[in-house]
Protein backbone atom coordinates (compact mmCIF):
# COMPACT_ATOMS: atom_id res chain seq x y z
CA MET A 1 -9.31 -38.19 -33.40
CA ASP A 2 -9.04 -34.74 -35.22
CA THR A 3 -12.35 -34.03 -32.70
CA ALA A 4 -10.90 -35.15 -29.82
CA LEU A 5 -7.59 -33.42 -30.36
CA ILE A 6 -9.43 -30.23 -30.81
CA THR A 7 -11.52 -30.38 -27.80
CA ALA A 8 -8.38 -31.18 -25.75
CA THR A 9 -6.95 -28.29 -27.07
CA ILE A 10 -9.73 -26.17 -26.38
CA ALA A 11 -10.20 -27.22 -23.10
CA ALA A 12 -6.09 -26.55 -22.55
CA ALA A 13 -6.72 -22.76 -23.74
CA ALA A 14 -9.76 -22.52 -21.51
CA ALA A 15 -7.86 -23.95 -18.89
CA VAL A 16 -4.85 -21.81 -19.57
CA PHE A 17 -6.94 -18.58 -19.87
CA ALA A 18 -9.15 -19.13 -16.88
CA ALA A 19 -5.48 -19.60 -14.80
CA VAL A 20 -4.23 -16.46 -16.09
CA MET A 21 -7.52 -14.19 -14.73
CA THR A 22 -7.61 -15.75 -11.60
CA TRP A 23 -3.63 -15.03 -11.59
CA ASN A 24 -4.85 -11.18 -12.49
CA ALA A 25 -7.68 -10.74 -10.22
CA ALA A 26 -5.23 -12.19 -7.10
CA LYS A 27 -2.90 -9.21 -8.09
CA ARG A 28 -5.58 -6.74 -8.50
CA THR A 29 -6.82 -7.60 -5.04
CA ARG A 30 -3.58 -7.67 -3.28
CA GLN A 31 -3.10 -4.33 -5.10
CA SER A 32 -6.18 -3.09 -3.91
CA SER A 33 -5.00 -3.98 -0.50
CA GLU A 34 -2.32 -2.28 -0.14
CA ARG A 35 -3.10 0.60 -1.79
CA THR A 36 -5.94 1.22 1.13
CA HIS A 37 -3.41 -0.12 3.78
CA ALA A 38 -1.06 2.90 2.48
CA TRP A 39 -3.88 5.28 2.13
CA THR A 40 -5.00 4.68 5.63
CA ARG A 41 -2.01 5.31 7.11
CA ILE A 42 -0.85 8.31 5.00
CA VAL A 43 -4.48 9.79 6.01
CA TRP A 44 -4.33 8.88 9.79
CA ALA A 45 -0.66 10.72 9.71
CA ALA A 46 -1.51 13.73 7.65
CA GLN A 47 -4.33 14.54 10.15
CA LEU A 48 -2.08 15.19 13.18
CA HIS A 49 -0.66 18.42 14.48
CA PRO A 50 1.78 19.52 16.12
CA GLY A 51 2.01 19.30 20.03
CA ASP A 52 -0.57 16.27 19.62
CA ARG A 53 -0.12 12.78 21.15
CA GLY A 54 1.35 10.29 18.12
CA TYR A 55 2.76 13.31 16.37
CA ASP A 56 6.06 12.00 16.21
CA ILE A 57 4.73 8.05 15.19
CA SER A 58 2.71 10.06 12.23
CA ARG A 59 6.33 11.39 10.91
CA SER A 60 8.23 8.51 11.56
CA VAL A 61 4.78 6.62 9.28
CA LEU A 62 5.32 8.74 6.54
CA ARG A 63 9.03 8.19 6.27
CA SER A 64 8.60 4.72 6.19
CA ILE A 65 5.30 4.62 3.55
CA ALA A 66 7.82 7.03 1.55
CA THR A 67 10.47 3.92 1.26
CA LEU A 68 8.03 0.76 1.51
CA ARG A 69 8.05 -1.07 -1.82
CA TRP A 70 4.49 -2.74 -1.73
CA ALA A 71 3.19 0.92 -0.80
CA PRO A 72 2.32 2.27 -4.51
CA GLU A 73 4.43 4.36 -5.70
CA ASP A 74 1.83 7.46 -5.93
CA ASP A 75 1.40 6.55 -2.14
CA ARG A 76 5.33 6.45 -1.58
CA GLU A 77 5.57 10.21 -3.42
CA LEU A 78 2.89 11.49 -1.29
CA ALA A 79 4.16 10.49 2.05
CA SER A 80 7.79 11.56 1.04
CA GLU A 81 6.16 14.92 0.02
CA LEU A 82 4.21 14.83 3.31
CA SER A 83 7.06 13.93 5.49
CA GLN A 84 9.13 16.99 4.21
CA ALA A 85 6.95 19.36 4.59
CA VAL A 86 6.02 18.61 8.32
CA GLU A 87 7.86 20.58 10.86
CA PRO A 88 9.69 19.01 12.85
CA VAL A 89 8.80 19.76 16.48
CA GLU A 90 11.14 19.44 20.11
CA PRO A 91 10.50 16.18 21.56
CA VAL A 92 8.51 15.76 24.65
CA LYS A 93 10.77 14.76 27.75
CA PRO A 94 9.40 11.79 29.26
CA GLU A 95 8.85 13.21 32.71
CA GLU A 96 6.51 15.88 30.76
CA TYR A 97 3.72 12.97 29.96
CA PRO A 98 0.44 12.91 31.47
């Protein structure tokens, strides 16, 4: 009886350990995916210059990343600093689009 109890306890502990490790791996995978997504958006937005098509959108992307809860804190801070460093440009009138 004691052997069966010890075996069951070890099996239960191993199951709990496996569940915790699986949860931790899933959490890290999600965080990595979120960081990659945020970083890709920041790099795209930072590459555009005044006068480029999509420049106004890139400023909006930086401002939105700065406030996203799921974006990593470092990326939110970087996006906030970049959006403040970007000089506003005059809006393009609809008739000026090619």
